[in-house]
C-alpha atoms as a PDB file:
ATOM      1  CA  MET A   1       0.000   0.000   0.000  1.00  0.00           C
ATOM      2  CA  THR A   2       1.393   3.375  -0.974  1.00  0.00           C
ATOM      3  CA  TRP A   3       1.327   6.076   1.628  1.00  0.00           C
ATOM      4  CA  ASN A   4      -0.386   9.251   0.510  1.00  0.00           C
ATOM      5  CA  PRO A   5       0.566  12.332   2.513  1.00  0.00           C
ATOM      6  CA  PHE A   6      -2.541  14.226   1.291  1.00  0.00           C
ATOM      7  CA  LYS A   7      -5.030  11.544   2.248  1.00  0.00           C
ATOM      8  CA  ARG A   8      -5.792  12.992   5.689  1.00  0.00           C
ATOM      9  CA  LYS A   9      -6.348  16.417   4.228  1.00  0.00           C
ATOM     10  CA  ASN A  10      -8.660  15.061   1.553  1.00  0.00           C
ATOM     11  CA  ASP A  11     -10.621  13.127   4.170  1.00  0.00           C
ATOM     12  CA  ALA A  12     -11.143  16.338   6.171  1.00  0.00           C
ATOM     13  CA  ASP A  13     -12.310  18.143   3.040  1.00  0.00           C
ATOM     14  CA  ASN A  14     -14.734  15.372   2.227  1.00  0.00           C
ATOM     15  CA  ALA A  15     -16.125  15.445   5.767  1.00  0.00           C
ATOM     16  CA  ALA A  16     -16.643  19.169   5.546  1.00  0.00           C
ATOM     17  CA  GLN A  17     -18.400  18.680   2.197  1.00  0.00           C
ATOM     18  CA  VAL A  18     -20.672  16.047   3.688  1.00  0.00           C
ATOM     19  CA  THR A  19     -21.507  18.339   6.617  1.00  0.00           C
ATOM     20  CA  PHE A  20     -22.327  21.199   4.256  1.00  0.00           C
ATOM     21  CA  ASP A  21     -24.462  19.004   2.020  1.00  0.00           C
ATOM     22  CA  SER A  22     -26.336  17.623   4.998  1.00  0.00           C
ATOM     23  CA  GLU A  23     -27.784  21.000   5.966  1.00  0.00           C
ATOM     24  CA  PRO A  24     -31.573  21.067   5.723  1.00  0.00           C
ATOM     25  CA  GLU A  25     -33.095  22.231   2.484  1.00  0.00           C
ATOM     26  CA  GLY A  26     -34.084  25.896   2.475  1.00  0.00           C
ATOM     27  CA  ALA A  27     -31.173  26.988   4.661  1.00  0.00           C
ATOM     28  CA  GLY A  28     -29.822  29.187   1.892  1.00  0.00           C
ATOM     29  CA  LYS A  29     -28.940  32.831   1.942  1.00  0.00           C
ATOM     30  CA  GLY A  30     -32.553  34.031   1.853  1.00  0.00           C
ATOM     31  CA  ARG A  31     -33.564  32.216   5.014  1.00  0.00           C
ATOM     32  CA  PRO A  32     -33.974  34.666   7.943  1.00  0.00           C
ATOM     33  CA  THR A  33     -31.784  34.139  10.912  1.00  0.00           C
ATOM     34  CA  PRO A  34     -33.419  33.262  14.256  1.00  0.00           C
ATOM     35  CA  ARG A  35     -32.676  36.741  15.571  1.00  0.00           C
ATOM     36  CA  ARG A  36     -34.433  38.364  12.624  1.00  0.00           C
ATOM     37  CA  LYS A  37     -37.450  36.072  13.068  1.00  0.00           C
ATOM     38  CA  GLN A  38     -37.726  37.111  16.688  1.00  0.00           C
ATOM     39  CA  ALA A  39     -37.587  40.829  15.808  1.00  0.00           C
ATOM     40  CA  GLU A  40     -40.289  40.449  13.170  1.00  0.00           C
ATOM     41  CA  ALA A  41     -42.516  38.541  15.575  1.00  0.00           C
ATOM     42  CA  GLU A  42     -42.186  41.304  18.162  1.00  0.00           C
ATOM     43  CA  ASN A  43     -43.170  43.979  15.617  1.00  0.00           C
ATOM     44  CA  LEU A  44     -46.328  42.172  14.530  1.00  0.00           C
ATOM     45  CA  HIS A  45     -49.500  43.460  16.172  1.00  0.00           C
ATOM     46  CA  PRO A  46     -52.865  41.770  15.719  1.00  0.00           C
ATOM     47  CA  ILE A  47     -55.512  43.774  13.840  1.00  0.00           C
ATOM     48  CA  VAL A  48     -58.175  42.748  16.349  1.00  0.00           C
ATOM     49  CA  PRO A  49     -57.068  43.226  19.963  1.00  0.00           C
ATOM     50  CA  LYS A  50     -57.133  40.191  22.165  1.00  0.00           C
ATOM     51  CA  ASP A  51     -59.346  41.806  24.796  1.00  0.00           C
ATOM     52  CA  ARG A  52     -62.179  43.384  22.779  1.00  0.00           C
ATOM     53  CA  LYS A  53     -64.175  44.333  25.860  1.00  0.00           C
ATOM     54  CA  ALA A  54     -61.306  46.351  27.297  1.00  0.00           C
ATOM     55  CA  SER A  55     -60.676  47.936  23.903  1.00  0.00           C
ATOM     56  CA  ARG A  56     -64.303  49.050  23.592  1.00  0.00           C
ATOM     57  CA  LYS A  57     -64.219  50.432  27.110  1.00  0.00           C
ATOM     58  CA  VAL A  58     -61.125  52.513  26.319  1.00  0.00           C
ATOM     59  CA  GLU A  59     -62.703  53.749  23.087  1.00  0.00           C
ATOM     60  CA  ARG A  60     -65.918  54.765  24.875  1.00  0.00           C
ATOM     61  CA  GLU A  61     -63.885  56.605  27.477  1.00  0.00           C
ATOM     62  CA  LYS A  62     -62.061  58.547  24.743  1.00  0.00           C
ATOM     63  CA  ILE A  63     -65.369  59.492  23.102  1.00  0.00           C
ATOM     64  CA  ARG A  64     -66.846  60.587  26.437  1.00  0.00           C
ATOM     65  CA  VAL A  65     -63.824  62.761  27.220  1.00  0.00           C
ATOM     66  CA  ARG A  66     -64.001  64.361  23.767  1.00  0.00           C
ATOM     67  CA  GLN A  67     -67.737  65.033  24.072  1.00  0.00           C
ATOM     68  CA  ASP A  68     -67.298  66.552  27.528  1.00  0.00           C
ATOM     69  CA  SER A  69     -64.562  68.793  26.186  1.00  0.00           C
ATOM     70  CA  GLU A  70     -66.709  69.883  23.229  1.00  0.00           C
ATOM     71  CA  TYR A  71     -69.715  70.556  25.462  1.00  0.00           C
ATOM     72  CA  GLU A  72     -67.607  72.666  27.807  1.00  0.00           C
ATOM     73  CA  ALA A  73     -66.294  74.610  24.802  1.00  0.00           C
ATOM     74  CA  MET A  74     -69.874  75.261  23.648  1.00  0.00           C
ATOM     75  CA  ARG A  75     -70.792  76.495  27.112  1.00  0.00           C
ATOM     76  CA  ASN A  76     -67.824  78.858  27.214  1.00  0.00           C
ATOM     77  CA  GLY A  77     -68.036  79.993  23.587  1.00  0.00           C
ATOM     78  CA  ASP A  78     -64.607  78.530  22.773  1.00  0.00           C
ATOM     79  CA  VAL A  79     -64.914  78.082  18.991  1.00  0.00           C
ATOM     80  CA  ASN A  80     -61.556  76.323  18.590  1.00  0.00           C
ATOM     81  CA  HIS A  81     -62.645  73.300  20.671  1.00  0.00           C
ATOM     82  CA  MET A  82     -66.273  72.999  19.573  1.00  0.00           C
ATOM     83  CA  PRO A  83     -67.533  70.152  17.364  1.00  0.00           C
ATOM     84  CA  LYS A  84     -66.366  70.407  13.782  1.00  0.00           C
ATOM     85  CA  ALA A  85     -69.766  71.521  12.437  1.00  0.00           C
ATOM     86  CA  GLU A  86     -69.955  74.399  14.927  1.00  0.00           C
ATOM     87  CA  ARG A  87     -66.493  75.652  13.929  1.00  0.00           C
ATOM     88  CA  LEU A  88     -67.573  76.509  10.378  1.00  0.00           C
ATOM     89  CA  THR A  89     -67.014  80.218   9.783  1.00  0.00           C
ATOM     90  CA  SER A  90     -70.464  80.641   8.263  1.00  0.00           C
ATOM     91  CA  ARG A  91     -72.131  79.166  11.355  1.00  0.00           C
ATOM     92  CA  VAL A  92     -70.049  81.327  13.680  1.00  0.00           C
ATOM     93  CA  TYR A  93     -71.167  84.366  11.690  1.00  0.00           C
ATOM     94  CA  VAL A  94     -74.834  83.291  11.880  1.00  0.00           C
ATOM     95  CA  ARG A  95     -74.644  82.813  15.648  1.00  0.00           C
ATOM     96  CA  ASP A  96     -72.994  86.180  16.222  1.00  0.00           C
ATOM     97  CA  TYR A  97     -75.529  87.913  13.960  1.00  0.00           C
ATOM     98  CA  ILE A  98     -78.590  86.421  15.671  1.00  0.00           C
ATOM     99  CA  ASP A  99     -77.147  86.917  19.151  1.00  0.00           C
ATOM    100  CA  ALA A 100     -76.586  90.605  18.387  1.00  0.00           C
ATOM    101  CA  ARG A 101     -80.241  91.385  17.592  1.00  0.00           C
ATOM    102  CA  TRP A 102     -83.527  91.304  19.476  1.00  0.00           C
ATOM    103  CA  ASN A 103     -85.580  88.420  18.062  1.00  0.00           C
ATOM    104  CA  ILE A 104     -89.333  88.501  18.646  1.00  0.00           C
ATOM    105  CA  ALA A 105     -89.561  84.757  18.134  1.00  0.00           C
ATOM    106  CA  GLU A 106     -87.276  83.908  21.051  1.00  0.00           C
ATOM    107  CA  PHE A 107     -89.972  85.016  23.517  1.00  0.00           C
ATOM    108  CA  PHE A 108     -92.825  83.191  21.787  1.00  0.00           C
ATOM    109  CA  VAL A 109     -92.690  79.968  23.845  1.00  0.00           C
ATOM    110  CA  PRO A 110     -92.773  81.597  27.317  1.00  0.00           C
ATOM    111  CA  ILE A 111     -95.379  84.167  26.228  1.00  0.00           C
ATOM    112  CA  ALA A 112     -97.570  81.509  24.632  1.00  0.00           C
ATOM    113  CA  PHE A 113     -97.312  79.411  27.807  1.00  0.00           C
ATOM    114  CA  VAL A 114     -98.407  82.377  29.979  1.00  0.00           C
ATOM    115  CA  ILE A 115    -101.306  83.197  27.638  1.00  0.00           C
ATOM    116  CA  LEU A 116    -102.554  79.607  27.710  1.00  0.00           C
ATOM    117  CA  VAL A 117    -102.388  79.430  31.520  1.00  0.00           C
ATOM    118  CA  VAL A 118    -104.149  82.769  31.929  1.00  0.00           C
ATOM    119  CA  SER A 119    -106.744  81.784  29.335  1.00  0.00           C
ATOM    120  CA  PHE A 120    -107.448  78.547  31.201  1.00  0.00           C
ATOM    121  CA  ILE A 121    -107.896  80.393  34.510  1.00  0.00           C
ATOM    122  CA  VAL A 122    -109.953  83.239  33.073  1.00  0.00           C
ATOM    123  CA  SER A 123    -112.258  80.932  31.112  1.00  0.00           C
ATOM    124  CA  SER A 124    -113.688  79.667  34.405  1.00  0.00           C
ATOM    125  CA  PHE A 125    -114.835  83.162  35.425  1.00  0.00           C
ATOM    126  CA  TYR A 126    -114.941  85.202  32.217  1.00  0.00           C
ATOM    127  CA  PRO A 127    -115.184  82.834  29.243  1.00  0.00           C
ATOM    128  CA  VAL A 128    -115.447  85.767  26.868  1.00  0.00           C
ATOM    129  CA  LEU A 129    -111.854  86.867  27.608  1.00  0.00           C
ATOM    130  CA  SER A 130    -110.316  83.563  26.524  1.00  0.00           C
ATOM    131  CA  VAL A 131    -110.938  84.340  22.848  1.00  0.00           C
ATOM    132  CA  PRO A 132    -109.021  87.658  22.815  1.00  0.00           C
ATOM    133  CA  LEU A 133    -106.136  85.983  24.629  1.00  0.00           C
ATOM    134  CA  LEU A 134    -105.923  83.269  21.977  1.00  0.00           C
ATOM    135  CA  ILE A 135    -106.076  85.908  19.252  1.00  0.00           C
ATOM    136  CA  LEU A 136    -103.213  87.729  20.978  1.00  0.00           C
ATOM    137  CA  MET A 137    -101.151  84.543  20.939  1.00  0.00           C
ATOM    138  CA  TYR A 138    -101.710  84.034  17.216  1.00  0.00           C
ATOM    139  CA  VAL A 139    -100.869  87.664  16.512  1.00  0.00           C
ATOM    140  CA  TYR A 140     -97.580  87.202  18.344  1.00  0.00           C
ATOM    141  CA  LEU A 141     -96.934  84.021  16.355  1.00  0.00           C
ATOM    142  CA  PHE A 142     -97.407  85.804  13.023  1.00  0.00           C
ATOM    143  CA  ALA A 143     -95.222  88.670  14.221  1.00  0.00           C
ATOM    144  CA  SER A 144     -92.489  86.153  15.095  1.00  0.00           C
ATOM    145  CA  ILE A 145     -92.686  84.577  11.634  1.00  0.00           C
ATOM    146  CA  ILE A 146     -92.429  87.980   9.964  1.00  0.00           C
ATOM    147  CA  ASP A 147     -89.467  88.910  12.172  1.00  0.00           C
ATOM    148  CA  ILE A 148     -87.672  85.678  11.272  1.00  0.00           C
ATOM    149  CA  ALA A 149     -88.271  86.317   7.575  1.00  0.00           C
ATOM    150  CA  ILE A 150     -86.840  89.833   7.880  1.00  0.00           C
ATOM    151  CA  MET A 151     -83.870  88.524   9.854  1.00  0.00           C
ATOM    152  CA  TRP A 152     -83.070  85.825   7.294  1.00  0.00           C
ATOM    153  CA  ARG A 153     -83.352  88.224   4.353  1.00  0.00           C
ATOM    154  CA  GLY A 154     -80.704  90.518   5.791  1.00  0.00           C
ATOM    155  CA  LEU A 155     -78.512  87.669   7.040  1.00  0.00           C
ATOM    156  CA  LYS A 156     -78.637  85.844   3.708  1.00  0.00           C
ATOM    157  CA  ARG A 157     -77.454  88.935   1.872  1.00  0.00           C
ATOM    158  CA  LYS A 158     -74.519  89.309   4.242  1.00  0.00           C
ATOM    159  CA  LEU A 159     -73.588  85.608   4.021  1.00  0.00           C
ATOM    160  CA  ILE A 160     -73.504  85.711   0.222  1.00  0.00           C
ATOM    161  CA  ALA A 161     -71.354  88.845   0.263  1.00  0.00           C
ATOM    162  CA  LYS A 162     -68.895  87.334   2.752  1.00  0.00           C
ATOM    163  CA  PHE A 163     -68.820  83.602   1.963  1.00  0.00           C
ATOM    164  CA  GLY A 164     -70.379  83.246  -1.488  1.00  0.00           C
ATOM    165  CA  GLU A 165     -73.533  81.604  -2.834  1.00  0.00           C
ATOM    166  CA  GLN A 166     -72.493  78.142  -1.592  1.00  0.00           C
ATOM    167  CA  SER A 167     -72.846  79.281   2.011  1.00  0.00           C
ATOM    168  CA  VAL A 168     -76.636  79.571   1.637  1.00  0.00           C
ATOM    169  CA  ALA A 169     -77.139  76.560  -0.627  1.00  0.00           C
ATOM    170  CA  ARG A 170     -79.936  74.189   0.289  1.00  0.00           C
ATOM    171  CA  GLY A 171     -77.519  71.439   1.307  1.00  0.00           C
ATOM    172  CA  SER A 172     -75.825  73.672   3.873  1.00  0.00           C
ATOM    173  CA  ARG A 173     -79.023  73.928   5.980  1.00  0.00           C
ATOM    174  CA  ILE A 174     -77.798  77.293   7.189  1.00  0.00           C
ATOM    175  CA  ALA A 175     -81.312  78.775   6.968  1.00  0.00           C
ATOM    176  CA  THR A 176     -82.736  76.109   9.301  1.00  0.00           C
ATOM    177  CA  TYR A 177     -79.793  76.657  11.637  1.00  0.00           C
ATOM    178  CA  ALA A 178     -80.521  80.409  11.773  1.00  0.00           C
ATOM    179  CA  TRP A 179     -84.270  79.983  12.273  1.00  0.00           C
ATOM    180  CA  LEU A 180     -83.884  77.482  15.108  1.00  0.00           C
ATOM    181  CA  ARG A 181     -81.394  79.694  16.913  1.00  0.00           C
ATOM    182  CA  SER A 182     -83.656  82.725  16.616  1.00  0.00           C
ATOM    183  CA  LEU A 183     -86.467  80.703  18.248  1.00  0.00           C
ATOM    184  CA  GLN A 184     -84.375  79.991  21.346  1.00  0.00           C
ATOM    185  CA  MET A 185     -84.062  82.376  24.247  1.00  0.00           C
ATOM    186  CA  ARG A 186     -80.623  83.933  24.306  1.00  0.00           C
ATOM    187  CA  ARG A 187     -79.552  82.499  27.667  1.00  0.00           C
ATOM    188  CA  TRP A 188     -80.497  78.956  26.625  1.00  0.00           C
ATOM    189  CA  ARG A 189     -78.725  78.897  23.273  1.00  0.00           C
ATOM    190  CA  MET A 190     -76.005  76.368  22.559  1.00  0.00           C
ATOM    191  CA  PRO A 191     -73.295  77.193  21.699  1.00  0.00           C
ATOM    192  CA  ARG A 192     -73.556  80.067  24.128  1.00  0.00           C
ATOM    193  CA  PRO A 193     -73.315  83.636  22.743  1.00  0.00           C
ATOM    194  CA  ARG A 194     -69.742  84.858  22.676  1.00  0.00           C
ATOM    195  CA  ASN A 195     -70.786  88.368  23.733  1.00  0.00           C
ATOM    196  CA  LYS A 196     -72.793  88.935  26.889  1.00  0.00           C
ATOM    197  CA  LYS A 197     -74.723  91.904  25.473  1.00  0.00           C
ATOM    198  CA  ARG A 198     -76.612  92.397  22.248  1.00  0.00           C
ATOM    199  CA  GLY A 199     -75.495  94.839  19.590  1.00  0.00           C
ATOM    200  CA  ASN A 200     -72.065  93.263  18.890  1.00  0.00           C
ATOM    201  CA  TRP A 201     -72.572  92.675  15.160  1.00  0.00           C
ATOM    202  CA  PRO A 202     -70.133  90.415  13.274  1.00  0.00           C
ATOM    203  CA  LYS A 203     -67.825  92.078  10.777  1.00  0.00           C
END
């Protein structure tokens, strides 16, 4: 047998080759390392939280806090923190305009209530007087409607001049918003008037 000095080296090379070839399939260069797998797993967050009840509770709490903050802003006249719809410049202008004037319609509900109570009491003793009282109530109602119509005519002209025709379009519902506010007594309006006294007309 001839001695081969390179036999041991070749055997080592062959063993290394066998070890390399015996690696599991798919262990190539594109396979992520265990450390990378762990990092990716930590960054994955489920779309649906595990505890849905707790998640809904947190969401409701956020909504309640936001609503409380918006309500407080409406009470204080803080436009910047009011609900989005109340922050529209056209609505702010409408509120300031109506709050600056005396509106006949805002006293209709309390006056009508007093007339009805008095009419009910008087009808027991003087039935004839109940009819004039009811007529008085209807006269006040028609006067309120006329006052609202006059108010809206002037306000509409100012809105168009300041914000354009789109501000009074039917889809904006700005007319309904103005009418409803003019029907409310000044101290009960929400959002609250920004000025304590009347006569502060918007520019």
